[in-house]
Amino acid sequence: MGNVHSGSTLTRTTGALDSFVAELGADVIYEKSIGSARFLKTVKCRHRNGYLVIKVFIKPDPGLSLRSYLRRLKSEFFVRLFCIQRLTNTSVQLTGSP
């Protein structure tokens, strides 16, 4: 009854975490898994600039669309980036004035 996922499907995705990380590019190297929930996995990776912690979301249904979440994340990112730029420009103008 209800939403039940077979254990073998989740085991296969857990074992394939290095392949999910490999999609990020050759600069990111999978080291080990440091956390595992049902759909959100946490892995420790290495990059030329240091270590990274990456969260991997395993979609329970391949048909599940994440486009609305992607748009929201991009929107929030650009708003925060714009605010940081405004604060930086404002502080530079204030310190440059006599």
N, C-alpha and C. Protein backbone atom coordinates (compact mmCIF):
# COMPACT_ATOMS: atom_id res chain seq x y z
N MET A 1 0.84 -1.18 0.00
CA MET A 1 0.00 0.00 0.00
C MET A 1 0.88 1.24 0.00
N GLY A 2 0.42 2.26 -0.67
CA GLY A 2 1.16 3.52 -0.68
C GLY A 2 2.33 3.48 -1.64
N ASN A 3 3.21 4.45 -1.47
CA ASN A 3 4.40 4.53 -2.32
C ASN A 3 5.50 3.67 -1.73
N VAL A 4 5.81 2.59 -2.40
CA VAL A 4 6.84 1.68 -1.93
C VAL A 4 7.87 1.52 -3.04
N HIS A 5 9.13 1.71 -2.71
CA HIS A 5 10.21 1.51 -3.66
C HIS A 5 10.96 0.25 -3.29
N SER A 6 11.35 -0.50 -4.29
CA SER A 6 12.08 -1.72 -4.01
C SER A 6 13.48 -1.38 -3.52
N GLY A 7 13.99 -2.20 -2.65
CA GLY A 7 15.32 -1.97 -2.09
C GLY A 7 16.42 -2.06 -3.14
N SER A 8 16.23 -2.88 -4.17
CA SER A 8 17.28 -3.05 -5.17
C SER A 8 17.47 -1.78 -5.99
N THR A 9 16.41 -1.04 -6.26
CA THR A 9 16.52 0.20 -7.02
C THR A 9 17.34 1.22 -6.25
N LEU A 10 17.07 1.37 -4.96
CA LEU A 10 17.81 2.34 -4.16
C LEU A 10 19.26 1.91 -3.98
N THR A 11 19.51 0.61 -3.89
CA THR A 11 20.88 0.13 -3.75
C THR A 11 21.68 0.42 -5.00
N ARG A 12 21.07 0.24 -6.16
CA ARG A 12 21.77 0.51 -7.41
C ARG A 12 22.13 1.98 -7.52
N THR A 13 21.25 2.89 -7.12
CA THR A 13 21.56 4.32 -7.22
C THR A 13 22.62 4.72 -6.20
N THR A 14 22.62 4.10 -5.03
CA THR A 14 23.64 4.41 -4.04
C THR A 14 25.01 4.00 -4.54
N GLY A 15 25.11 2.86 -5.19
CA GLY A 15 26.38 2.39 -5.72
C GLY A 15 26.87 3.21 -6.89
N ALA A 16 26.00 3.97 -7.51
CA ALA A 16 26.36 4.73 -8.70
C ALA A 16 26.65 6.20 -8.39
N LEU A 17 26.88 6.55 -7.14
CA LEU A 17 27.12 7.95 -6.78
C LEU A 17 28.34 8.52 -7.50
N ASP A 18 29.37 7.72 -7.68
CA ASP A 18 30.56 8.21 -8.38
C ASP A 18 30.24 8.58 -9.82
N SER A 19 29.31 7.87 -10.44
CA SER A 19 28.95 8.22 -11.82
C SER A 19 28.14 9.52 -11.86
N PHE A 20 27.32 9.78 -10.84
CA PHE A 20 26.59 11.05 -10.79
C PHE A 20 27.57 12.21 -10.62
N VAL A 21 28.57 12.04 -9.78
CA VAL A 21 29.58 13.07 -9.55
C VAL A 21 30.42 13.27 -10.81
N ALA A 22 30.68 12.20 -11.55
CA ALA A 22 31.48 12.31 -12.77
C ALA A 22 30.84 13.23 -13.79
N GLU A 23 29.51 13.38 -13.73
CA GLU A 23 28.81 14.28 -14.65
C GLU A 23 29.18 15.75 -14.41
N LEU A 24 29.76 16.06 -13.27
CA LEU A 24 30.15 17.44 -12.95
C LEU A 24 31.44 17.85 -13.65
N GLY A 25 32.17 16.91 -14.19
CA GLY A 25 33.40 17.21 -14.91
C GLY A 25 34.60 16.49 -14.32
N ALA A 26 35.69 16.56 -15.05
CA ALA A 26 36.91 15.85 -14.64
C ALA A 26 37.58 16.50 -13.44
N ASP A 27 37.27 17.76 -13.13
CA ASP A 27 37.89 18.45 -12.00
C ASP A 27 37.40 17.95 -10.65
N VAL A 28 36.22 17.32 -10.63
CA VAL A 28 35.62 16.86 -9.39
C VAL A 28 35.81 15.35 -9.30
N ILE A 29 36.47 14.90 -8.23
CA ILE A 29 36.77 13.48 -8.06
C ILE A 29 36.04 12.96 -6.82
N TYR A 30 35.24 11.92 -7.00
CA TYR A 30 34.50 11.30 -5.91
C TYR A 30 35.46 10.65 -4.93
N GLU A 31 35.25 10.89 -3.63
CA GLU A 31 36.06 10.22 -2.61
C GLU A 31 35.26 9.20 -1.83
N LYS A 32 34.17 9.66 -1.18
CA LYS A 32 33.36 8.71 -0.41
C LYS A 32 32.00 9.30 -0.10
N SER A 33 31.09 8.44 0.24
CA SER A 33 29.77 8.86 0.68
C SER A 33 29.84 9.20 2.16
N ILE A 34 29.25 10.34 2.55
CA ILE A 34 29.29 10.73 3.97
C ILE A 34 27.90 10.86 4.57
N GLY A 35 26.88 10.57 3.77
CA GLY A 35 25.52 10.63 4.29
C GLY A 35 24.56 10.06 3.27
N SER A 36 23.53 9.40 3.78
CA SER A 36 22.60 8.79 2.85
C SER A 36 21.20 8.81 3.43
N ALA A 37 20.34 9.52 2.77
CA ALA A 37 18.92 9.50 3.10
C ALA A 37 18.21 8.78 1.96
N ARG A 38 16.93 8.80 1.97
CA ARG A 38 16.20 8.05 0.94
C ARG A 38 16.47 8.58 -0.46
N PHE A 39 16.39 9.88 -0.65
CA PHE A 39 16.57 10.45 -1.98
C PHE A 39 17.74 11.42 -2.07
N LEU A 40 18.21 11.95 -0.95
CA LEU A 40 19.28 12.94 -0.97
C LEU A 40 20.54 12.32 -0.39
N LYS A 41 21.55 12.20 -1.22
CA LYS A 41 22.82 11.59 -0.82
C LYS A 41 23.87 12.70 -0.65
N THR A 42 24.79 12.50 0.27
CA THR A 42 25.86 13.46 0.51
C THR A 42 27.19 12.76 0.25
N VAL A 43 28.03 13.39 -0.59
CA VAL A 43 29.31 12.79 -0.91
C VAL A 43 30.44 13.80 -0.71
N LYS A 44 31.59 13.28 -0.36
CA LYS A 44 32.80 14.09 -0.23
C LYS A 44 33.58 13.93 -1.52
N CYS A 45 33.96 15.05 -2.12
CA CYS A 45 34.70 15.04 -3.37
C CYS A 45 35.93 15.91 -3.24
N ARG A 46 36.83 15.74 -4.18
CA ARG A 46 38.05 16.52 -4.21
C ARG A 46 38.07 17.35 -5.48
N HIS A 47 38.52 18.57 -5.36
CA HIS A 47 38.67 19.50 -6.47
C HIS A 47 40.06 20.08 -6.38
N ARG A 48 40.56 20.63 -7.46
CA ARG A 48 41.93 21.19 -7.42
C ARG A 48 42.07 22.31 -6.40
N ASN A 49 40.95 22.97 -6.04
CA ASN A 49 40.99 24.04 -5.04
C ASN A 49 40.70 23.56 -3.63
N GLY A 50 40.43 22.27 -3.45
CA GLY A 50 40.16 21.74 -2.13
C GLY A 50 39.02 20.74 -2.14
N TYR A 51 38.51 20.43 -0.97
CA TYR A 51 37.44 19.46 -0.84
C TYR A 51 36.08 20.11 -1.06
N LEU A 52 35.13 19.30 -1.52
CA LEU A 52 33.75 19.74 -1.74
C LEU A 52 32.81 18.77 -1.05
N VAL A 53 31.68 19.27 -0.61
CA VAL A 53 30.58 18.43 -0.17
C VAL A 53 29.46 18.64 -1.18
N ILE A 54 29.01 17.56 -1.78
CA ILE A 54 28.00 17.64 -2.84
C ILE A 54 26.77 16.86 -2.41
N LYS A 55 25.62 17.47 -2.59
CA LYS A 55 24.34 16.81 -2.34
C LYS A 55 23.81 16.30 -3.66
N VAL A 56 23.46 15.02 -3.73
CA VAL A 56 22.93 14.41 -4.94
C VAL A 56 21.49 14.00 -4.66
N PHE A 57 20.57 14.55 -5.46
CA PHE A 57 19.16 14.20 -5.32
C PHE A 57 18.84 13.10 -6.32
N ILE A 58 18.39 11.96 -5.81
CA ILE A 58 18.00 10.84 -6.65
C ILE A 58 16.50 10.93 -6.88
N LYS A 59 16.12 11.21 -8.14
CA LYS A 59 14.69 11.33 -8.44
C LYS A 59 14.02 9.97 -8.30
N PRO A 60 12.93 9.90 -7.53
CA PRO A 60 12.24 8.62 -7.35
C PRO A 60 11.53 8.18 -8.62
N ASP A 61 11.18 9.14 -9.46
CA ASP A 61 10.48 8.84 -10.71
C ASP A 61 11.19 9.59 -11.83
N PRO A 62 11.69 8.90 -12.85
CA PRO A 62 12.40 9.59 -13.94
C PRO A 62 11.55 10.65 -14.64
N GLY A 63 10.25 10.54 -14.56
CA GLY A 63 9.36 11.51 -15.19
C GLY A 63 9.16 12.78 -14.37
N LEU A 64 9.65 12.79 -13.16
CA LEU A 64 9.51 13.94 -12.27
C LEU A 64 10.31 15.12 -12.81
N SER A 65 9.65 16.24 -13.04
CA SER A 65 10.32 17.42 -13.57
C SER A 65 10.78 18.32 -12.42
N LEU A 66 12.01 18.79 -12.53
CA LEU A 66 12.58 19.69 -11.52
C LEU A 66 12.78 21.09 -12.08
N ARG A 67 12.19 21.39 -13.22
CA ARG A 67 12.38 22.68 -13.88
C ARG A 67 11.93 23.86 -13.01
N SER A 68 10.81 23.73 -12.32
CA SER A 68 10.34 24.84 -11.50
C SER A 68 11.32 25.12 -10.36
N TYR A 69 11.92 24.07 -9.78
CA TYR A 69 12.91 24.26 -8.73
C TYR A 69 14.18 24.90 -9.28
N LEU A 70 14.57 24.50 -10.49
CA LEU A 70 15.75 25.08 -11.12
C LEU A 70 15.56 26.57 -11.38
N ARG A 71 14.38 26.94 -11.91
CA ARG A 71 14.09 28.36 -12.14
C ARG A 71 14.12 29.14 -10.84
N ARG A 72 13.57 28.57 -9.80
CA ARG A 72 13.54 29.26 -8.50
C ARG A 72 14.95 29.44 -7.94
N LEU A 73 15.78 28.40 -8.04
CA LEU A 73 17.16 28.51 -7.55
C LEU A 73 17.95 29.55 -8.34
N LYS A 74 17.78 29.55 -9.66
CA LYS A 74 18.49 30.54 -10.48
C LYS A 74 18.04 31.95 -10.13
N SER A 75 16.74 32.12 -9.94
CA SER A 75 16.20 33.43 -9.60
C SER A 75 16.77 33.93 -8.27
N GLU A 76 16.75 33.07 -7.26
CA GLU A 76 17.27 33.45 -5.95
C GLU A 76 18.77 33.73 -6.02
N PHE A 77 19.50 32.96 -6.80
CA PHE A 77 20.94 33.16 -6.94
C PHE A 77 21.22 34.54 -7.53
N PHE A 78 20.53 34.89 -8.62
CA PHE A 78 20.80 36.17 -9.27
C PHE A 78 20.36 37.35 -8.41
N VAL A 79 19.29 37.20 -7.64
CA VAL A 79 18.86 38.26 -6.74
C VAL A 79 19.93 38.50 -5.68
N ARG A 80 20.45 37.42 -5.11
CA ARG A 80 21.48 37.56 -4.07
C ARG A 80 22.77 38.12 -4.65
N LEU A 81 23.12 37.67 -5.85
CA LEU A 81 24.32 38.19 -6.50
C LEU A 81 24.18 39.68 -6.77
N PHE A 82 23.00 40.12 -7.23
CA PHE A 82 22.74 41.53 -7.48
C PHE A 82 22.86 42.34 -6.19
N CYS A 83 22.31 41.80 -5.08
CA CYS A 83 22.39 42.51 -3.79
C CYS A 83 23.84 42.63 -3.33
N ILE A 84 24.62 41.60 -3.51
CA ILE A 84 26.03 41.65 -3.12
C ILE A 84 26.76 42.70 -3.95
N GLN A 85 26.47 42.73 -5.24
CA GLN A 85 27.12 43.72 -6.11
C GLN A 85 26.73 45.13 -5.69
N ARG A 86 25.47 45.33 -5.37
CA ARG A 86 25.03 46.66 -4.94
C ARG A 86 25.72 47.06 -3.65
N LEU A 87 25.81 46.14 -2.70
CA LEU A 87 26.47 46.45 -1.42
C LEU A 87 27.95 46.75 -1.65
N THR A 88 28.58 45.99 -2.51
CA THR A 88 29.99 46.21 -2.80
C THR A 88 30.20 47.56 -3.46
N ASN A 89 29.39 47.90 -4.45
CA ASN A 89 29.50 49.18 -5.13
C ASN A 89 29.21 50.34 -4.19
N THR A 90 28.21 50.18 -3.33
CA THR A 90 27.87 51.23 -2.38
C THR A 90 28.99 51.47 -1.41
N SER A 91 29.58 50.38 -0.87
CA SER A 91 30.66 50.56 0.11
C SER A 91 31.90 51.15 -0.54
N VAL A 92 32.14 50.83 -1.81
CA VAL A 92 33.30 51.41 -2.50
C VAL A 92 33.08 52.90 -2.70
N GLN A 93 31.87 53.31 -3.05
CA GLN A 93 31.57 54.71 -3.25
C GLN A 93 31.67 55.47 -1.93
N LEU A 94 31.21 54.87 -0.86
CA LEU A 94 31.25 55.55 0.43
C LEU A 94 32.68 55.74 0.93
N THR A 95 33.53 54.73 0.74
CA THR A 95 34.90 54.83 1.23
C THR A 95 35.73 55.72 0.32
N GLY A 96 35.32 55.88 -0.94
CA GLY A 96 36.08 56.72 -1.86
C GLY A 96 35.76 58.19 -1.73
N SER A 97 34.66 58.53 -1.04
CA SER A 97 34.30 59.94 -0.91
C SER A 97 35.08 60.60 0.22
N PRO A 98 35.37 61.91 0.10
CA PRO A 98 36.16 62.60 1.15
C PRO A 98 35.38 62.81 2.42
